[in-house]
């Protein structure tokens, strides 16, 4: 049996199915050697789509750093070492990924 191609997976996720994934996420910040470690954990509610969702760290002066959170199944995580503590952290600010986002408890 041959493995499914990336295009087959795309068609299965976005053409043949009708749901929009719901992603619950939370983040933690911890100081580490004068820098800040950002950990983001996310899980899908009822789906296991392959997703790339941008995570944004917002700093003073309007500066922003973005990195992708890759979910290849029901959950995913991301760790980033930041030069300073961000004012806020957010997901999918510009609706780059077709998902509904909610904060996990």
PDB file of N, CA and C in Angstrom:
ATOM      1  N   UNK A   1       0.840  -1.177   0.000  1.00  0.00           N
ATOM      2  CA  UNK A   1       0.000   0.000   0.000  1.00  0.00           C
ATOM      3  C   UNK A   1       0.887   1.244   0.000  1.00  0.00           C
ATOM      4  N   UNK A   2       0.610   2.190  -0.840  1.00  0.00           N
ATOM      5  CA  UNK A   2       1.467   3.374  -0.887  1.00  0.00           C
ATOM      6  C   UNK A   2       0.965   4.446   0.073  1.00  0.00           C
ATOM      7  N   UNK A   3       1.918   5.233   0.523  1.00  0.00           N
ATOM      8  CA  UNK A   3       1.623   6.313   1.472  1.00  0.00           C
ATOM      9  C   UNK A   3       0.898   7.443   0.745  1.00  0.00           C
ATOM     10  N   UNK A   4      -0.002   8.106   1.482  1.00  0.00           N
ATOM     11  CA  UNK A   4      -0.744   9.219   0.878  1.00  0.00           C
ATOM     12  C   UNK A   4       0.172  10.399   0.617  1.00  0.00           C
ATOM     13  N   UNK A   5      -0.031  11.041  -0.482  1.00  0.00           N
ATOM     14  CA  UNK A   5       0.767  12.229  -0.801  1.00  0.00           C
ATOM     15  C   UNK A   5       0.232  13.426  -0.032  1.00  0.00           C
ATOM     16  N   UNK A   6       1.056  14.470   0.028  1.00  0.00           N
ATOM     17  CA  UNK A   6       0.647  15.704   0.700  1.00  0.00           C
ATOM     18  C   UNK A   6      -0.597  16.306   0.062  1.00  0.00           C
ATOM     19  N   UNK A   7      -0.710  16.190  -1.236  1.00  0.00           N
ATOM     20  CA  UNK A   7      -1.872  16.729  -1.927  1.00  0.00           C
ATOM     21  C   UNK A   7      -3.134  15.953  -1.564  1.00  0.00           C
ATOM     22  N   UNK A   8      -3.027  14.638  -1.413  1.00  0.00           N
ATOM     23  CA  UNK A   8      -4.184  13.836  -0.996  1.00  0.00           C
ATOM     24  C   UNK A   8      -4.662  14.275   0.381  1.00  0.00           C
ATOM     25  N   UNK A   9      -3.711  14.517   1.255  1.00  0.00           N
ATOM     26  CA  UNK A   9      -4.077  14.955   2.608  1.00  0.00           C
ATOM     27  C   UNK A   9      -4.773  16.319   2.568  1.00  0.00           C
ATOM     28  N   UNK A  10      -4.259  17.219   1.742  1.00  0.00           N
ATOM     29  CA  UNK A  10      -4.892  18.526   1.585  1.00  0.00           C
ATOM     30  C   UNK A  10      -6.340  18.376   1.139  1.00  0.00           C
ATOM     31  N   UNK A  11      -6.561  17.569   0.091  1.00  0.00           N
ATOM     32  CA  UNK A  11      -7.920  17.364  -0.414  1.00  0.00           C
ATOM     33  C   UNK A  11      -8.810  16.770   0.669  1.00  0.00           C
ATOM     34  N   UNK A  12      -8.281  15.775   1.409  1.00  0.00           N
ATOM     35  CA  UNK A  12      -9.065  15.146   2.481  1.00  0.00           C
ATOM     36  C   UNK A  12      -9.457  16.154   3.555  1.00  0.00           C
ATOM     37  N   UNK A  13      -8.529  17.029   3.930  1.00  0.00           N
ATOM     38  CA  UNK A  13      -8.793  17.990   5.002  1.00  0.00           C
ATOM     39  C   UNK A  13      -9.707  19.131   4.574  1.00  0.00           C
ATOM     40  N   UNK A  14      -9.413  19.742   3.427  1.00  0.00           N
ATOM     41  CA  UNK A  14     -10.040  21.017   3.113  1.00  0.00           C
ATOM     42  C   UNK A  14     -11.110  20.962   2.019  1.00  0.00           C
ATOM     43  N   UNK A  15     -11.193  19.887   1.276  1.00  0.00           N
ATOM     44  CA  UNK A  15     -12.193  19.813   0.213  1.00  0.00           C
ATOM     45  C   UNK A  15     -13.314  18.842   0.574  1.00  0.00           C
ATOM     46  N   UNK A  16     -12.956  17.644   1.006  1.00  0.00           N
ATOM     47  CA  UNK A  16     -13.953  16.609   1.270  1.00  0.00           C
ATOM     48  C   UNK A  16     -14.597  16.711   2.644  1.00  0.00           C
ATOM     49  N   UNK A  17     -14.023  17.473   3.539  1.00  0.00           N
ATOM     50  CA  UNK A  17     -14.594  17.643   4.883  1.00  0.00           C
ATOM     51  C   UNK A  17     -15.178  19.043   4.990  1.00  0.00           C
ATOM     52  N   UNK A  18     -16.101  19.220   5.904  1.00  0.00           N
ATOM     53  CA  UNK A  18     -16.768  20.512   6.015  1.00  0.00           C
ATOM     54  C   UNK A  18     -16.451  21.256   7.307  1.00  0.00           C
ATOM     55  N   UNK A  19     -15.804  20.603   8.265  1.00  0.00           N
ATOM     56  CA  UNK A  19     -15.569  21.287   9.534  1.00  0.00           C
ATOM     57  C   UNK A  19     -14.359  22.213   9.480  1.00  0.00           C
ATOM     58  N   UNK A  20     -14.382  23.182  10.376  1.00  0.00           N
ATOM     59  CA  UNK A  20     -13.241  24.073  10.594  1.00  0.00           C
ATOM     60  C   UNK A  20     -12.647  23.665  11.933  1.00  0.00           C
ATOM     61  N   UNK A  21     -11.341  23.369  11.982  1.00  0.00           N
ATOM     62  CA  UNK A  21     -10.741  22.920  13.233  1.00  0.00           C
ATOM     63  C   UNK A  21     -10.866  23.970  14.347  1.00  0.00           C
ATOM     64  N   UNK A  22     -11.105  23.485  15.557  1.00  0.00           N
ATOM     65  CA  UNK A  22     -11.107  24.325  16.751  1.00  0.00           C
ATOM     66  C   UNK A  22      -9.839  23.996  17.522  1.00  0.00           C
ATOM     67  N   UNK A  23      -9.024  25.004  17.773  1.00  0.00           N
ATOM     68  CA  UNK A  23      -7.743  24.820  18.441  1.00  0.00           C
ATOM     69  C   UNK A  23      -7.760  25.560  19.773  1.00  0.00           C
ATOM     70  N   UNK A  24      -7.507  24.818  20.845  1.00  0.00           N
ATOM     71  CA  UNK A  24      -7.396  25.391  22.191  1.00  0.00           C
ATOM     72  C   UNK A  24      -5.917  25.501  22.512  1.00  0.00           C
ATOM     73  N   UNK A  25      -5.492  26.633  23.048  1.00  0.00           N
ATOM     74  CA  UNK A  25      -4.073  26.832  23.294  1.00  0.00           C
ATOM     75  C   UNK A  25      -3.837  27.550  24.611  1.00  0.00           C
ATOM     76  N   UNK A  26      -2.617  27.382  25.102  1.00  0.00           N
ATOM     77  CA  UNK A  26      -2.169  28.124  26.280  1.00  0.00           C
ATOM     78  C   UNK A  26      -0.664  28.330  26.143  1.00  0.00           C
ATOM     79  N   UNK A  27      -0.161  29.316  26.866  1.00  0.00           N
ATOM     80  CA  UNK A  27       1.273  29.576  26.822  1.00  0.00           C
ATOM     81  C   UNK A  27       1.817  29.805  28.221  1.00  0.00           C
ATOM     82  N   UNK A  28       3.113  29.602  28.348  1.00  0.00           N
ATOM     83  CA  UNK A  28       3.831  29.851  29.597  1.00  0.00           C
ATOM     84  C   UNK A  28       5.102  30.610  29.261  1.00  0.00           C
ATOM     85  N   UNK A  29       5.493  31.505  30.152  1.00  0.00           N
ATOM     86  CA  UNK A  29       6.753  32.231  30.025  1.00  0.00           C
ATOM     87  C   UNK A  29       7.597  31.936  31.247  1.00  0.00           C
ATOM     88  N   UNK A  30       8.878  31.673  31.037  1.00  0.00           N
ATOM     89  CA  UNK A  30       9.787  31.435  32.152  1.00  0.00           C
ATOM     90  C   UNK A  30      11.116  32.115  31.846  1.00  0.00           C
ATOM     91  N   UNK A  31      11.659  32.803  32.844  1.00  0.00           N
ATOM     92  CA  UNK A  31      12.956  33.446  32.656  1.00  0.00           C
ATOM     93  C   UNK A  31      14.046  32.381  32.657  1.00  0.00           C
ATOM     94  N   UNK A  32      14.984  32.512  31.713  1.00  0.00           N
ATOM     95  CA  UNK A  32      16.055  31.522  31.588  1.00  0.00           C
ATOM     96  C   UNK A  32      17.336  32.233  31.140  1.00  0.00           C
ATOM     97  N   UNK A  33      18.290  32.333  32.040  1.00  0.00           N
ATOM     98  CA  UNK A  33      19.599  32.934  31.732  1.00  0.00           C
ATOM     99  C   UNK A  33      19.478  34.323  31.113  1.00  0.00           C
ATOM    100  N   UNK A  34      18.621  35.168  31.670  1.00  0.00           N
ATOM    101  CA  UNK A  34      18.465  36.532  31.182  1.00  0.00           C
ATOM    102  C   UNK A  34      17.580  36.667  29.956  1.00  0.00           C
ATOM    103  N   UNK A  35      17.051  35.549  29.476  1.00  0.00           N
ATOM    104  CA  UNK A  35      16.123  35.578  28.342  1.00  0.00           C
ATOM    105  C   UNK A  35      14.797  34.981  28.811  1.00  0.00           C
ATOM    106  N   UNK A  36      13.851  34.874  27.902  1.00  0.00           N
ATOM    107  CA  UNK A  36      12.525  34.347  28.252  1.00  0.00           C
ATOM    108  C   UNK A  36      12.177  33.174  27.343  1.00  0.00           C
ATOM    109  N   UNK A  37      11.835  32.056  27.974  1.00  0.00           N
ATOM    110  CA  UNK A  37      11.423  30.873  27.243  1.00  0.00           C
ATOM    111  C   UNK A  37       9.899  30.883  27.118  1.00  0.00           C
ATOM    112  N   UNK A  38       9.422  30.909  25.888  1.00  0.00           N
ATOM    113  CA  UNK A  38       7.986  30.865  25.612  1.00  0.00           C
ATOM    114  C   UNK A  38       7.632  29.450  25.188  1.00  0.00           C
ATOM    115  N   UNK A  39       6.682  28.854  25.899  1.00  0.00           N
ATOM    116  CA  UNK A  39       6.159  27.529  25.541  1.00  0.00           C
ATOM    117  C   UNK A  39       4.690  27.686  25.170  1.00  0.00           C
ATOM    118  N   UNK A  40       4.327  27.142  24.029  1.00  0.00           N
ATOM    119  CA  UNK A  40       2.935  27.176  23.575  1.00  0.00           C
ATOM    120  C   UNK A  40       2.499  25.729  23.340  1.00  0.00           C
ATOM    121  N   UNK A  41       1.372  25.351  23.932  1.00  0.00           N
ATOM    122  CA  UNK A  41       0.776  24.027  23.729  1.00  0.00           C
ATOM    123  C   UNK A  41      -0.616  24.216  23.168  1.00  0.00           C
ATOM    124  N   UNK A  42      -0.977  23.384  22.204  1.00  0.00           N
ATOM    125  CA  UNK A  42      -2.287  23.498  21.570  1.00  0.00           C
ATOM    126  C   UNK A  42      -2.852  22.112  21.288  1.00  0.00           C
ATOM    127  N   UNK A  43      -4.177  22.040  21.264  1.00  0.00           N
ATOM    128  CA  UNK A  43      -4.844  20.783  20.921  1.00  0.00           C
ATOM    129  C   UNK A  43      -6.073  21.083  20.078  1.00  0.00           C
ATOM    130  N   UNK A  44      -6.369  20.153  19.184  1.00  0.00           N
ATOM    131  CA  UNK A  44      -7.555  20.282  18.341  1.00  0.00           C
ATOM    132  C   UNK A  44      -8.723  19.603  19.037  1.00  0.00           C
ATOM    133  N   UNK A  45      -9.882  20.167  18.862  1.00  0.00           N
ATOM    134  CA  UNK A  45     -11.094  19.638  19.476  1.00  0.00           C
ATOM    135  C   UNK A  45     -11.903  18.887  18.423  1.00  0.00           C
ATOM    136  N   UNK A  46     -11.759  17.546  18.398  1.00  0.00           N
ATOM    137  CA  UNK A  46     -12.563  16.723  17.494  1.00  0.00           C
ATOM    138  C   UNK A  46     -12.007  16.526  16.099  1.00  0.00           C
ATOM    139  N   UNK A  47     -10.856  17.116  15.784  1.00  0.00           N
ATOM    140  CA  UNK A  47     -10.228  16.917  14.476  1.00  0.00           C
ATOM    141  C   UNK A  47      -8.744  16.628  14.694  1.00  0.00           C
ATOM    142  N   UNK A  48      -8.085  16.192  13.653  1.00  0.00           N
ATOM    143  CA  UNK A  48      -6.639  15.998  13.729  1.00  0.00           C
ATOM    144  C   UNK A  48      -6.010  16.442  12.410  1.00  0.00           C
ATOM    145  N   UNK A  49      -6.341  17.659  12.013  1.00  0.00           N
ATOM    146  CA  UNK A  49      -5.808  18.235  10.785  1.00  0.00           C
ATOM    147  C   UNK A  49      -4.315  18.519  10.947  1.00  0.00           C
ATOM    148  N   UNK A  50      -3.593  18.592   9.830  1.00  0.00           N
ATOM    149  CA  UNK A  50      -2.228  19.097   9.836  1.00  0.00           C
ATOM    150  C   UNK A  50      -2.333  20.603   9.653  1.00  0.00           C
ATOM    151  N   UNK A  51      -1.818  21.356  10.632  1.00  0.00           N
ATOM    152  CA  UNK A  51      -1.991  22.810  10.645  1.00  0.00           C
ATOM    153  C   UNK A  51      -0.667  23.518  10.900  1.00  0.00           C
ATOM    154  N   UNK A  52      -0.515  24.685  10.320  1.00  0.00           N
ATOM    155  CA  UNK A  52       0.561  25.619  10.637  1.00  0.00           C
ATOM    156  C   UNK A  52      -0.133  26.889  11.092  1.00  0.00           C
ATOM    157  N   UNK A  53       0.031  27.212  12.363  1.00  0.00           N
ATOM    158  CA  UNK A  53      -0.649  28.376  12.937  1.00  0.00           C
ATOM    159  C   UNK A  53       0.406  29.339  13.470  1.00  0.00           C
ATOM    160  N   UNK A  54       0.408  30.591  13.035  1.00  0.00           N
ATOM    161  CA  UNK A  54       1.411  31.529  13.522  1.00  0.00           C
ATOM    162  C   UNK A  54       1.180  31.915  14.991  1.00  0.00           C
ATOM    163  N   UNK A  55       2.277  31.910  15.741  1.00  0.00           N
ATOM    164  CA  UNK A  55       2.291  32.375  17.132  1.00  0.00           C
ATOM    165  C   UNK A  55       3.031  33.703  17.125  1.00  0.00           C
ATOM    166  N   UNK A  56       2.448  34.704  17.773  1.00  0.00           N
ATOM    167  CA  UNK A  56       3.033  36.041  17.803  1.00  0.00           C
ATOM    168  C   UNK A  56       3.429  36.423  19.224  1.00  0.00           C
ATOM    169  N   UNK A  57       4.669  36.902  19.373  1.00  0.00           N
ATOM    170  CA  UNK A  57       5.126  37.510  20.621  1.00  0.00           C
ATOM    171  C   UNK A  57       5.194  39.013  20.356  1.00  0.00           C
ATOM    172  N   UNK A  58       4.440  39.781  21.131  1.00  0.00           N
ATOM    173  CA  UNK A  58       4.354  41.231  20.943  1.00  0.00           C
ATOM    174  C   UNK A  58       5.203  41.924  22.005  1.00  0.00           C
ATOM    175  N   UNK A  59       6.111  42.811  21.549  1.00  0.00           N
ATOM    176  CA  UNK A  59       7.014  43.519  22.436  1.00  0.00           C
ATOM    177  C   UNK A  59       6.711  45.019  22.431  1.00  0.00           C
ATOM    178  N   UNK A  60       7.300  45.732  23.367  1.00  0.00           N
ATOM    179  CA  UNK A  60       7.106  47.179  23.432  1.00  0.00           C
ATOM    180  C   UNK A  60       7.603  47.819  22.135  1.00  0.00           C
ATOM    181  N   UNK A  61       7.061  48.970  21.821  1.00  0.00           N
ATOM    182  CA  UNK A  61       7.448  49.678  20.611  1.00  0.00           C
ATOM    183  C   UNK A  61       6.835  49.114  19.347  1.00  0.00           C
ATOM    184  N   UNK A  62       5.848  48.221  19.484  1.00  0.00           N
ATOM    185  CA  UNK A  62       5.167  47.673  18.316  1.00  0.00           C
ATOM    186  C   UNK A  62       5.930  46.566  17.608  1.00  0.00           C
ATOM    187  N   UNK A  63       7.001  46.076  18.217  1.00  0.00           N
ATOM    188  CA  UNK A  63       7.768  44.994  17.600  1.00  0.00           C
ATOM    189  C   UNK A  63       7.055  43.663  17.812  1.00  0.00           C
ATOM    190  N   UNK A  64       7.146  42.798  16.804  1.00  0.00           N
ATOM    191  CA  UNK A  64       6.484  41.496  16.858  1.00  0.00           C
ATOM    192  C   UNK A  64       7.410  40.428  16.284  1.00  0.00           C
ATOM    193  N   UNK A  65       7.387  39.266  16.915  1.00  0.00           N
ATOM    194  CA  UNK A  65       8.105  38.094  16.412  1.00  0.00           C
ATOM    195  C   UNK A  65       7.059  37.027  16.136  1.00  0.00           C
ATOM    196  N   UNK A  66       7.131  36.384  14.972  1.00  0.00           N
ATOM    197  CA  UNK A  66       6.174  35.333  14.619  1.00  0.00           C
ATOM    198  C   UNK A  66       6.913  34.041  14.289  1.00  0.00           C
ATOM    199  N   UNK A  67       6.385  32.929  14.800  1.00  0.00           N
ATOM    200  CA  UNK A  67       6.917  31.597  14.498  1.00  0.00           C
ATOM    201  C   UNK A  67       5.740  30.650  14.322  1.00  0.00           C
ATOM    202  N   UNK A  68       5.874  29.629  13.457  1.00  0.00           N
ATOM    203  CA  UNK A  68       4.746  28.707  13.236  1.00  0.00           C
ATOM    204  C   UNK A  68       4.657  27.623  14.310  1.00  0.00           C
ATOM    205  N   UNK A  69       3.459  27.381  14.755  1.00  0.00           N
ATOM    206  CA  UNK A  69       3.140  26.228  15.595  1.00  0.00           C
ATOM    207  C   UNK A  69       2.646  25.156  14.628  1.00  0.00           C
ATOM    208  N   UNK A  70       3.355  24.043  14.555  1.00  0.00           N
ATOM    209  CA  UNK A  70       2.997  22.967  13.635  1.00  0.00           C
ATOM    210  C   UNK A  70       2.215  21.911  14.402  1.00  0.00           C
ATOM    211  N   UNK A  71       1.034  21.615  13.911  1.00  0.00           N
ATOM    212  CA  UNK A  71       0.208  20.561  14.497  1.00  0.00           C
ATOM    213  C   UNK A  71       0.017  19.491  13.429  1.00  0.00           C
ATOM    214  N   UNK A  72       0.556  18.311  13.679  1.00  0.00           N
ATOM    215  CA  UNK A  72       0.397  17.201  12.745  1.00  0.00           C
ATOM    216  C   UNK A  72      -0.394  16.114  13.459  1.00  0.00           C
ATOM    217  N   UNK A  73      -1.632  16.427  13.762  1.00  0.00           N
ATOM    218  CA  UNK A  73      -2.476  15.535  14.542  1.00  0.00           C
ATOM    219  C   UNK A  73      -3.213  16.326  15.607  1.00  0.00           C
ATOM    220  N   UNK A  74      -3.646  15.660  16.657  1.00  0.00           N
ATOM    221  CA  UNK A  74      -4.510  16.308  17.642  1.00  0.00           C
ATOM    222  C   UNK A  74      -3.834  17.348  18.526  1.00  0.00           C
ATOM    223  N   UNK A  75      -2.491  17.378  18.588  1.00  0.00           N
ATOM    224  CA  UNK A  75      -1.836  18.366  19.448  1.00  0.00           C
ATOM    225  C   UNK A  75      -0.515  18.807  18.845  1.00  0.00           C
ATOM    226  N   UNK A  76      -0.005  19.907  19.377  1.00  0.00           N
ATOM    227  CA  UNK A  76       1.279  20.431  18.931  1.00  0.00           C
ATOM    228  C   UNK A  76       1.843  21.363  19.976  1.00  0.00           C
ATOM    229  N   UNK A  77       3.141  21.631  19.887  1.00  0.00           N
ATOM    230  CA  UNK A  77       3.778  22.540  20.835  1.00  0.00           C
ATOM    231  C   UNK A  77       4.908  23.291  20.144  1.00  0.00           C
ATOM    232  N   UNK A  78       5.306  24.381  20.772  1.00  0.00           N
ATOM    233  CA  UNK A  78       6.360  25.240  20.251  1.00  0.00           C
ATOM    234  C   UNK A  78       7.111  25.826  21.431  1.00  0.00           C
ATOM    235  N   UNK A  79       8.439  25.907  21.324  1.00  0.00           N
ATOM    236  CA  UNK A  79       9.266  26.586  22.317  1.00  0.00           C
ATOM    237  C   UNK A  79      10.147  27.584  21.593  1.00  0.00           C
ATOM    238  N   UNK A  80      10.194  28.806  22.119  1.00  0.00           N
ATOM    239  CA  UNK A  80      11.019  29.865  21.532  1.00  0.00           C
ATOM    240  C   UNK A  80      11.755  30.557  22.673  1.00  0.00           C
ATOM    241  N   UNK A  81      13.040  30.807  22.500  1.00  0.00           N
ATOM    242  CA  UNK A  81      13.805  31.586  23.459  1.00  0.00           C
ATOM    243  C   UNK A  81      13.800  33.031  22.976  1.00  0.00           C
ATOM    244  N   UNK A  82      13.233  33.917  23.778  1.00  0.00           N
ATOM    245  CA  UNK A  82      13.058  35.313  23.395  1.00  0.00           C
ATOM    246  C   UNK A  82      14.086  36.204  24.091  1.00  0.00           C
ATOM    247  N   UNK A  83      14.498  37.289  23.454  1.00  0.00           N
ATOM    248  CA  UNK A  83      15.501  38.172  24.055  1.00  0.00           C
ATOM    249  C   UNK A  83      14.970  38.995  25.231  1.00  0.00           C
ATOM    250  N   UNK A  84      13.659  39.187  25.285  1.00  0.00           N
ATOM    251  CA  UNK A  84      13.034  39.947  26.369  1.00  0.00           C
ATOM    252  C   UNK A  84      11.610  39.438  26.592  1.00  0.00           C
ATOM    253  N   UNK A  85      11.028  39.832  27.699  1.00  0.00           N
ATOM    254  CA  UNK A  85       9.675  39.389  28.010  1.00  0.00           C
ATOM    255  C   UNK A  85       8.670  40.107  27.106  1.00  0.00           C
ATOM    256  N   UNK A  86       7.819  39.343  26.429  1.00  0.00           N
ATOM    257  CA  UNK A  86       6.824  39.989  25.568  1.00  0.00           C
ATOM    258  C   UNK A  86       5.693  40.606  26.400  1.00  0.00           C
ATOM    259  N   UNK A  87       5.069  41.624  25.837  1.00  0.00           N
ATOM    260  CA  UNK A  87       3.896  42.221  26.479  1.00  0.00           C
ATOM    261  C   UNK A  87       2.690  41.312  26.354  1.00  0.00           C
ATOM    262  N   UNK A  88       2.609  40.576  25.244  1.00  0.00           N
ATOM    263  CA  UNK A  88       1.508  39.632  25.043  1.00  0.00           C
ATOM    264  C   UNK A  88       1.915  38.572  24.031  1.00  0.00           C
ATOM    265  N   UNK A  89       1.144  37.482  24.026  1.00  0.00           N
ATOM    266  CA  UNK A  89       1.342  36.384  23.082  1.00  0.00           C
ATOM    267  C   UNK A  89      -0.016  36.073  22.471  1.00  0.00           C
ATOM    268  N   UNK A  90      -0.045  35.836  21.170  1.00  0.00           N
ATOM    269  CA  UNK A  90      -1.319  35.553  20.503  1.00  0.00           C
ATOM    270  C   UNK A  90      -1.113  34.542  19.383  1.00  0.00           C
ATOM    271  N   UNK A  91      -2.222  34.028  18.897  1.00  0.00           N
ATOM    272  CA  UNK A  91      -2.221  33.034  17.816  1.00  0.00           C
ATOM    273  C   UNK A  91      -3.073  33.529  16.665  1.00  0.00           C
ATOM    274  N   UNK A  92      -2.583  33.336  15.451  1.00  0.00           N
ATOM    275  CA  UNK A  92      -3.401  33.521  14.251  1.00  0.00           C
ATOM    276  C   UNK A  92      -3.988  34.926  14.129  1.00  0.00           C
ATOM    277  N   UNK A  93      -3.200  35.934  14.459  1.00  0.00           N
ATOM    278  CA  UNK A  93      -3.683  37.327  14.465  1.00  0.00           C
ATOM    279  C   UNK A  93      -4.345  37.755  13.166  1.00  0.00           C
ATOM    280  N   UNK A  94      -3.740  37.399  12.044  1.00  0.00           N
ATOM    281  CA  UNK A  94      -4.258  37.829  10.748  1.00  0.00           C
ATOM    282  C   UNK A  94      -5.110  36.784  10.060  1.00  0.00           C
ATOM    283  N   UNK A  95      -5.590  35.807  10.810  1.00  0.00           N
ATOM    284  CA  UNK A  95      -6.413  34.720  10.260  1.00  0.00           C
ATOM    285  C   UNK A  95      -5.676  34.008   9.128  1.00  0.00           C
ATOM    286  N   UNK A  96      -4.375  33.796   9.300  1.00  0.00           N
ATOM    287  CA  UNK A  96      -3.580  33.122   8.277  1.00  0.00           C
ATOM    288  C   UNK A  96      -3.947  31.648   8.144  1.00  0.00           C
ATOM    289  N   UNK A  97      -4.410  31.053   9.205  1.00  0.00           N
ATOM    290  CA  UNK A  97      -4.787  29.646   9.200  1.00  0.00           C
ATOM    291  C   UNK A  97      -6.299  29.543   9.406  1.00  0.00           C
ATOM    292  N   UNK A  98      -6.940  28.667   8.673  1.00  0.00           N
ATOM    293  CA  UNK A  98      -8.390  28.503   8.786  1.00  0.00           C
ATOM    294  C   UNK A  98      -8.699  27.636  10.008  1.00  0.00           C
ATOM    295  N   UNK A  99      -8.752  28.278  11.170  1.00  0.00           N
ATOM    296  CA  UNK A  99      -9.061  27.606  12.438  1.00  0.00           C
ATOM    297  C   UNK A  99      -9.843  28.578  13.323  1.00  0.00           C
ATOM    298  N   UNK A 100     -10.571  28.000  14.248  1.00  0.00           N
ATOM    299  CA  UNK A 100     -11.170  28.775  15.327  1.00  0.00           C
ATOM    300  C   UNK A 100     -10.254  28.580  16.531  1.00  0.00           C
ATOM    301  N   UNK A 101      -9.893  29.678  17.204  1.00  0.00           N
ATOM    302  CA  UNK A 101      -8.930  29.631  18.288  1.00  0.00           C
ATOM    303  C   UNK A 101      -9.593  30.006  19.600  1.00  0.00           C
ATOM    304  N   UNK A 102      -9.285  29.246  20.653  1.00  0.00           N
ATOM    305  CA  UNK A 102      -9.777  29.552  21.986  1.00  0.00           C
ATOM    306  C   UNK A 102      -8.686  29.304  23.013  1.00  0.00           C
ATOM    307  N   UNK A 103      -8.772  29.992  24.144  1.00  0.00           N
ATOM    308  CA  UNK A 103      -7.781  29.811  25.213  1.00  0.00           C
ATOM    309  C   UNK A 103      -8.144  28.619  26.068  1.00  0.00           C
ATOM    310  N   UNK A 104      -7.170  27.737  26.287  1.00  0.00           N
ATOM    311  CA  UNK A 104      -7.352  26.584  27.157  1.00  0.00           C
ATOM    312  C   UNK A 104      -7.192  27.020  28.614  1.00  0.00           C
ATOM    313  N   UNK A 105      -7.817  26.305  29.488  1.00  0.00           N
ATOM    314  CA  UNK A 105      -7.683  26.658  30.916  1.00  0.00           C
ATOM    315  C   UNK A 105      -6.482  26.009  31.500  1.00  0.00           C
TER     316      UNK A 105
END
